[in-house]
């Protein structure tokens, strides 16, 4: 049961364990909406201890209004 659940969870987050292990800050940023109305995004990663850069990038992205719908 636990193994099944772990496989399902890992299917949703296949790229995060590397950064959890190394301690690097990472964030997912939405970029665009697809035809089905779902967000498409990318994952940004910074140097160890450099969360501030990610917050600046995320803030600039939000201020630019990239994810506004028509």
PDB file of N, CA and C in Angstrom:
ATOM      1  N   UNK A   1       0.825  -1.186   0.000  1.00  0.00           N
ATOM      2  CA  UNK A   1       0.000   0.000   0.000  1.00  0.00           C
ATOM      3  C   UNK A   1       0.874   1.257   0.000  1.00  0.00           C
ATOM      4  N   UNK A   2       1.845   1.312   0.881  1.00  0.00           N
ATOM      5  CA  UNK A   2       2.731   2.473   0.972  1.00  0.00           C
ATOM      6  C   UNK A   2       3.546   2.635  -0.305  1.00  0.00           C
ATOM      7  N   UNK A   3       4.030   1.523  -0.852  1.00  0.00           N
ATOM      8  CA  UNK A   3       4.810   1.568  -2.082  1.00  0.00           C
ATOM      9  C   UNK A   3       3.962   2.108  -3.240  1.00  0.00           C
ATOM     10  N   UNK A   4       2.698   1.712  -3.315  1.00  0.00           N
ATOM     11  CA  UNK A   4       1.796   2.199  -4.354  1.00  0.00           C
ATOM     12  C   UNK A   4       1.595   3.707  -4.235  1.00  0.00           C
ATOM     13  N   UNK A   5       1.370   4.155  -3.020  1.00  0.00           N
ATOM     14  CA  UNK A   5       1.165   5.586  -2.774  1.00  0.00           C
ATOM     15  C   UNK A   5       2.413   6.375  -3.124  1.00  0.00           C
ATOM     16  N   UNK A   6       3.576   5.869  -2.745  1.00  0.00           N
ATOM     17  CA  UNK A   6       4.836   6.543  -3.050  1.00  0.00           C
ATOM     18  C   UNK A   6       5.026   6.676  -4.561  1.00  0.00           C
ATOM     19  N   UNK A   7       4.695   5.654  -5.309  1.00  0.00           N
ATOM     20  CA  UNK A   7       4.817   5.708  -6.771  1.00  0.00           C
ATOM     21  C   UNK A   7       3.886   6.765  -7.361  1.00  0.00           C
ATOM     22  N   UNK A   8       2.665   6.864  -6.842  1.00  0.00           N
ATOM     23  CA  UNK A   8       1.724   7.872  -7.330  1.00  0.00           C
ATOM     24  C   UNK A   8       2.235   9.276  -7.044  1.00  0.00           C
ATOM     25  N   UNK A   9       2.705   9.493  -5.817  1.00  0.00           N
ATOM     26  CA  UNK A   9       3.212  10.811  -5.442  1.00  0.00           C
ATOM     27  C   UNK A   9       4.417  11.166  -6.298  1.00  0.00           C
ATOM     28  N   UNK A  10       5.347  10.253  -6.461  1.00  0.00           N
ATOM     29  CA  UNK A  10       6.547  10.511  -7.258  1.00  0.00           C
ATOM     30  C   UNK A  10       6.182  10.834  -8.703  1.00  0.00           C
ATOM     31  N   UNK A  11       5.086  10.277  -9.202  1.00  0.00           N
ATOM     32  CA  UNK A  11       4.633  10.571 -10.560  1.00  0.00           C
ATOM     33  C   UNK A  11       4.270  12.034 -10.754  1.00  0.00           C
ATOM     34  N   UNK A  12       3.849  12.686  -9.674  1.00  0.00           N
ATOM     35  CA  UNK A  12       3.488  14.101  -9.749  1.00  0.00           C
ATOM     36  C   UNK A  12       4.678  15.024  -9.521  1.00  0.00           C
ATOM     37  N   UNK A  13       5.701  14.544  -8.835  1.00  0.00           N
ATOM     38  CA  UNK A  13       6.850  15.393  -8.489  1.00  0.00           C
ATOM     39  C   UNK A  13       8.186  14.718  -8.826  1.00  0.00           C
ATOM     40  N   UNK A  14       8.392  14.311 -10.067  1.00  0.00           N
ATOM     41  CA  UNK A  14       9.601  13.556 -10.386  1.00  0.00           C
ATOM     42  C   UNK A  14      10.901  14.356 -10.326  1.00  0.00           C
ATOM     43  N   UNK A  15      10.831  15.684 -10.358  1.00  0.00           N
ATOM     44  CA  UNK A  15      12.055  16.472 -10.445  1.00  0.00           C
ATOM     45  C   UNK A  15      12.445  17.148  -9.137  1.00  0.00           C
ATOM     46  N   UNK A  16      11.607  17.084  -8.128  1.00  0.00           N
ATOM     47  CA  UNK A  16      11.921  17.786  -6.882  1.00  0.00           C
ATOM     48  C   UNK A  16      12.871  17.059  -5.938  1.00  0.00           C
ATOM     49  N   UNK A  17      12.927  15.723  -5.900  1.00  0.00           N
ATOM     50  CA  UNK A  17      13.802  15.075  -4.921  1.00  0.00           C
ATOM     51  C   UNK A  17      15.266  15.492  -5.016  1.00  0.00           C
ATOM     52  N   UNK A  18      15.770  15.728  -6.206  1.00  0.00           N
ATOM     53  CA  UNK A  18      17.164  16.143  -6.359  1.00  0.00           C
ATOM     54  C   UNK A  18      17.440  17.416  -5.561  1.00  0.00           C
ATOM     55  N   UNK A  19      16.536  18.376  -5.654  1.00  0.00           N
ATOM     56  CA  UNK A  19      16.744  19.648  -4.969  1.00  0.00           C
ATOM     57  C   UNK A  19      16.451  19.538  -3.482  1.00  0.00           C
ATOM     58  N   UNK A  20      15.581  18.611  -3.085  1.00  0.00           N
ATOM     59  CA  UNK A  20      15.360  18.365  -1.665  1.00  0.00           C
ATOM     60  C   UNK A  20      16.632  17.805  -1.024  1.00  0.00           C
ATOM     61  N   UNK A  21      17.330  16.948  -1.744  1.00  0.00           N
ATOM     62  CA  UNK A  21      18.549  16.325  -1.225  1.00  0.00           C
ATOM     63  C   UNK A  21      19.703  17.327  -1.172  1.00  0.00           C
ATOM     64  N   UNK A  22      19.845  18.139  -2.205  1.00  0.00           N
ATOM     65  CA  UNK A  22      20.967  19.080  -2.249  1.00  0.00           C
ATOM     66  C   UNK A  22      20.703  20.358  -1.453  1.00  0.00           C
ATOM     67  N   UNK A  23      19.444  20.606  -1.099  1.00  0.00           N
ATOM     68  CA  UNK A  23      19.110  21.801  -0.340  1.00  0.00           C
ATOM     69  C   UNK A  23      19.033  23.063  -1.181  1.00  0.00           C
ATOM     70  N   UNK A  24      19.023  22.895  -2.498  1.00  0.00           N
ATOM     71  CA  UNK A  24      18.928  24.063  -3.379  1.00  0.00           C
ATOM     72  C   UNK A  24      17.491  24.566  -3.418  1.00  0.00           C
ATOM     73  N   UNK A  25      17.292  25.879  -3.359  1.00  0.00           N
ATOM     74  CA  UNK A  25      15.937  26.400  -3.473  1.00  0.00           C
ATOM     75  C   UNK A  25      15.424  26.237  -4.904  1.00  0.00           C
ATOM     76  N   UNK A  26      14.159  25.879  -5.025  1.00  0.00           N
ATOM     77  CA  UNK A  26      13.546  25.689  -6.333  1.00  0.00           C
ATOM     78  C   UNK A  26      12.093  26.134  -6.272  1.00  0.00           C
ATOM     79  N   UNK A  27      11.581  26.606  -7.389  1.00  0.00           N
ATOM     80  CA  UNK A  27      10.175  26.998  -7.462  1.00  0.00           C
ATOM     81  C   UNK A  27       9.633  26.703  -8.849  1.00  0.00           C
ATOM     82  N   UNK A  28       8.353  26.442  -8.892  1.00  0.00           N
ATOM     83  CA  UNK A  28       7.663  26.238 -10.157  1.00  0.00           C
ATOM     84  C   UNK A  28       6.962  27.541 -10.511  1.00  0.00           C
ATOM     85  N   UNK A  29       7.129  27.979 -11.751  1.00  0.00           N
ATOM     86  CA  UNK A  29       6.557  29.257 -12.197  1.00  0.00           C
ATOM     87  C   UNK A  29       5.652  28.998 -13.400  1.00  0.00           C
ATOM     88  N   UNK A  30       4.378  29.385 -13.316  1.00  0.00           N
ATOM     89  CA  UNK A  30       3.491  29.208 -14.467  1.00  0.00           C
ATOM     90  C   UNK A  30       3.840  30.201 -15.575  1.00  0.00           C
ATOM     91  N   UNK A  31       3.795  29.745 -16.810  1.00  0.00           N
ATOM     92  CA  UNK A  31       4.178  30.596 -17.937  1.00  0.00           C
ATOM     93  C   UNK A  31       3.048  30.907 -18.905  1.00  0.00           C
ATOM     94  N   UNK A  32       2.160  29.940 -19.107  1.00  0.00           N
ATOM     95  CA  UNK A  32       1.163  30.087 -20.169  1.00  0.00           C
ATOM     96  C   UNK A  32       0.000  29.143 -19.885  1.00  0.00           C
ATOM     97  N   UNK A  33      -1.123  29.348 -20.533  1.00  0.00           N
ATOM     98  CA  UNK A  33      -2.266  28.432 -20.453  1.00  0.00           C
ATOM     99  C   UNK A  33      -2.333  27.629 -21.750  1.00  0.00           C
ATOM    100  N   UNK A  34      -2.584  26.321 -21.641  1.00  0.00           N
ATOM    101  CA  UNK A  34      -2.743  25.536 -22.868  1.00  0.00           C
ATOM    102  C   UNK A  34      -4.189  25.608 -23.351  1.00  0.00           C
ATOM    103  N   UNK A  35      -4.491  24.944 -24.452  1.00  0.00           N
ATOM    104  CA  UNK A  35      -5.831  24.997 -25.057  1.00  0.00           C
ATOM    105  C   UNK A  35      -6.906  24.444 -24.124  1.00  0.00           C
ATOM    106  N   UNK A  36      -6.524  23.556 -23.216  1.00  0.00           N
ATOM    107  CA  UNK A  36      -7.484  22.973 -22.269  1.00  0.00           C
ATOM    108  C   UNK A  36      -7.663  23.843 -21.025  1.00  0.00           C
ATOM    109  N   UNK A  37      -6.949  24.981 -20.976  1.00  0.00           N
ATOM    110  CA  UNK A  37      -7.069  25.871 -19.832  1.00  0.00           C
ATOM    111  C   UNK A  37      -6.185  25.504 -18.653  1.00  0.00           C
ATOM    112  N   UNK A  38      -5.217  24.632 -18.868  1.00  0.00           N
ATOM    113  CA  UNK A  38      -4.299  24.223 -17.807  1.00  0.00           C
ATOM    114  C   UNK A  38      -3.011  25.033 -17.873  1.00  0.00           C
ATOM    115  N   UNK A  39      -2.418  25.331 -16.719  1.00  0.00           N
ATOM    116  CA  UNK A  39      -1.185  26.113 -16.732  1.00  0.00           C
ATOM    117  C   UNK A  39       0.019  25.274 -17.166  1.00  0.00           C
ATOM    118  N   UNK A  40       0.883  25.885 -17.944  1.00  0.00           N
ATOM    119  CA  UNK A  40       2.147  25.288 -18.352  1.00  0.00           C
ATOM    120  C   UNK A  40       3.230  26.118 -17.680  1.00  0.00           C
ATOM    121  N   UNK A  41       4.193  25.461 -17.078  1.00  0.00           N
ATOM    122  CA  UNK A  41       5.200  26.209 -16.344  1.00  0.00           C
ATOM    123  C   UNK A  41       6.577  25.619 -16.470  1.00  0.00           C
ATOM    124  N   UNK A  42       7.482  26.180 -15.698  1.00  0.00           N
ATOM    125  CA  UNK A  42       8.862  25.706 -15.654  1.00  0.00           C
ATOM    126  C   UNK A  42       9.338  25.720 -14.210  1.00  0.00           C
ATOM    127  N   UNK A  43      10.388  24.980 -13.950  1.00  0.00           N
ATOM    128  CA  UNK A  43      10.956  24.950 -12.607  1.00  0.00           C
ATOM    129  C   UNK A  43      12.269  25.718 -12.623  1.00  0.00           C
ATOM    130  N   UNK A  44      12.404  26.654 -11.693  1.00  0.00           N
ATOM    131  CA  UNK A  44      13.622  27.436 -11.563  1.00  0.00           C
ATOM    132  C   UNK A  44      14.380  26.964 -10.328  1.00  0.00           C
ATOM    133  N   UNK A  45      15.696  26.917 -10.436  1.00  0.00           N
ATOM    134  CA  UNK A  45      16.541  26.462  -9.337  1.00  0.00           C
ATOM    135  C   UNK A  45      17.659  27.467  -9.144  1.00  0.00           C
ATOM    136  N   UNK A  46      18.004  27.707  -7.888  1.00  0.00           N
ATOM    137  CA  UNK A  46      19.064  28.665  -7.581  1.00  0.00           C
ATOM    138  C   UNK A  46      20.180  27.985  -6.808  1.00  0.00           C
ATOM    139  N   UNK A  47      21.225  28.764  -6.555  1.00  0.00           N
ATOM    140  CA  UNK A  47      22.335  28.246  -5.752  1.00  0.00           C
ATOM    141  C   UNK A  47      21.875  27.994  -4.323  1.00  0.00           C
ATOM    142  N   UNK A  48      22.576  27.126  -3.637  1.00  0.00           N
ATOM    143  CA  UNK A  48      22.290  26.834  -2.236  1.00  0.00           C
ATOM    144  C   UNK A  48      22.279  28.144  -1.441  1.00  0.00           C
ATOM    145  N   UNK A  49      21.209  28.368  -0.708  1.00  0.00           N
ATOM    146  CA  UNK A  49      21.114  29.554   0.141  1.00  0.00           C
ATOM    147  C   UNK A  49      20.693  30.823  -0.580  1.00  0.00           C
ATOM    148  N   UNK A  50      20.354  30.736  -1.856  1.00  0.00           N
ATOM    149  CA  UNK A  50      20.028  31.937  -2.628  1.00  0.00           C
ATOM    150  C   UNK A  50      18.539  31.998  -2.972  1.00  0.00           C
ATOM    151  N   UNK A  51      17.702  31.873  -1.951  1.00  0.00           N
ATOM    152  CA  UNK A  51      16.261  31.965  -2.152  1.00  0.00           C
ATOM    153  C   UNK A  51      15.850  33.335  -2.668  1.00  0.00           C
ATOM    154  N   UNK A  52      16.591  34.366  -2.284  1.00  0.00           N
ATOM    155  CA  UNK A  52      16.246  35.743  -2.658  1.00  0.00           C
ATOM    156  C   UNK A  52      16.151  35.910  -4.172  1.00  0.00           C
ATOM    157  N   UNK A  53      17.035  35.255  -4.907  1.00  0.00           N
ATOM    158  CA  UNK A  53      16.985  35.357  -6.370  1.00  0.00           C
ATOM    159  C   UNK A  53      15.677  34.786  -6.903  1.00  0.00           C
ATOM    160  N   UNK A  54      15.265  33.648  -6.362  1.00  0.00           N
ATOM    161  CA  UNK A  54      14.012  33.052  -6.817  1.00  0.00           C
ATOM    162  C   UNK A  54      12.818  33.943  -6.481  1.00  0.00           C
ATOM    163  N   UNK A  55      12.828  34.551  -5.309  1.00  0.00           N
ATOM    164  CA  UNK A  55      11.734  35.448  -4.939  1.00  0.00           C
ATOM    165  C   UNK A  55      11.692  36.666  -5.865  1.00  0.00           C
ATOM    166  N   UNK A  56      12.860  37.182  -6.227  1.00  0.00           N
ATOM    167  CA  UNK A  56      12.894  38.320  -7.155  1.00  0.00           C
ATOM    168  C   UNK A  56      12.351  37.928  -8.528  1.00  0.00           C
ATOM    169  N   UNK A  57      12.762  36.789  -9.023  1.00  0.00           N
ATOM    170  CA  UNK A  57      12.290  36.323 -10.335  1.00  0.00           C
ATOM    171  C   UNK A  57      10.784  36.076 -10.286  1.00  0.00           C
ATOM    172  N   UNK A  58      10.316  35.419  -9.249  1.00  0.00           N
ATOM    173  CA  UNK A  58       8.888  35.156  -9.112  1.00  0.00           C
ATOM    174  C   UNK A  58       8.082  36.442  -8.999  1.00  0.00           C
ATOM    175  N   UNK A  59       8.599  37.415  -8.250  1.00  0.00           N
ATOM    176  CA  UNK A  59       7.918  38.702  -8.118  1.00  0.00           C
ATOM    177  C   UNK A  59       7.866  39.463  -9.425  1.00  0.00           C
ATOM    178  N   UNK A  60       8.962  39.442 -10.170  1.00  0.00           N
ATOM    179  CA  UNK A  60       9.003  40.114 -11.475  1.00  0.00           C
ATOM    180  C   UNK A  60       8.022  39.456 -12.448  1.00  0.00           C
ATOM    181  N   UNK A  61       7.959  38.151 -12.392  1.00  0.00           N
ATOM    182  CA  UNK A  61       7.052  37.385 -13.243  1.00  0.00           C
ATOM    183  C   UNK A  61       5.594  37.758 -12.925  1.00  0.00           C
ATOM    184  N   UNK A  62       5.267  37.794 -11.640  1.00  0.00           N
ATOM    185  CA  UNK A  62       3.896  38.136 -11.232  1.00  0.00           C
ATOM    186  C   UNK A  62       3.559  39.587 -11.627  1.00  0.00           C
ATOM    187  N   UNK A  63       4.508  40.489 -11.445  1.00  0.00           N
ATOM    188  CA  UNK A  63       4.287  41.906 -11.781  1.00  0.00           C
ATOM    189  C   UNK A  63       4.097  42.103 -13.279  1.00  0.00           C
ATOM    190  N   UNK A  64       4.718  41.249 -14.089  1.00  0.00           N
ATOM    191  CA  UNK A  64       4.590  41.352 -15.544  1.00  0.00           C
ATOM    192  C   UNK A  64       3.228  40.885 -16.031  1.00  0.00           C
ATOM    193  N   UNK A  65       2.503  40.166 -15.175  1.00  0.00           N
ATOM    194  CA  UNK A  65       1.167  39.713 -15.550  1.00  0.00           C
ATOM    195  C   UNK A  65       1.162  38.650 -16.630  1.00  0.00           C
ATOM    196  N   UNK A  66       2.181  37.837 -16.673  1.00  0.00           N
ATOM    197  CA  UNK A  66       2.301  36.813 -17.722  1.00  0.00           C
ATOM    198  C   UNK A  66       1.120  35.864 -17.743  1.00  0.00           C
ATOM    199  N   UNK A  67       0.576  35.536 -16.583  1.00  0.00           N
ATOM    200  CA  UNK A  67      -0.472  34.516 -16.513  1.00  0.00           C
ATOM    201  C   UNK A  67      -1.889  35.080 -16.646  1.00  0.00           C
ATOM    202  N   UNK A  68      -2.032  36.322 -17.012  1.00  0.00           N
ATOM    203  CA  UNK A  68      -3.395  36.875 -17.190  1.00  0.00           C
ATOM    204  C   UNK A  68      -4.101  36.177 -18.336  1.00  0.00           C
ATOM    205  N   UNK A  69      -5.357  35.914 -18.118  1.00  0.00           N
ATOM    206  CA  UNK A  69      -6.170  35.327 -19.194  1.00  0.00           C
ATOM    207  C   UNK A  69      -6.888  36.440 -19.917  1.00  0.00           C
ATOM    208  N   UNK A  70      -6.848  36.383 -21.286  1.00  0.00           N
ATOM    209  CA  UNK A  70      -7.484  37.334 -22.174  1.00  0.00           C
ATOM    210  C   UNK A  70      -8.537  38.115 -21.557  1.00  0.00           C
TER     211      UNK A  70
END
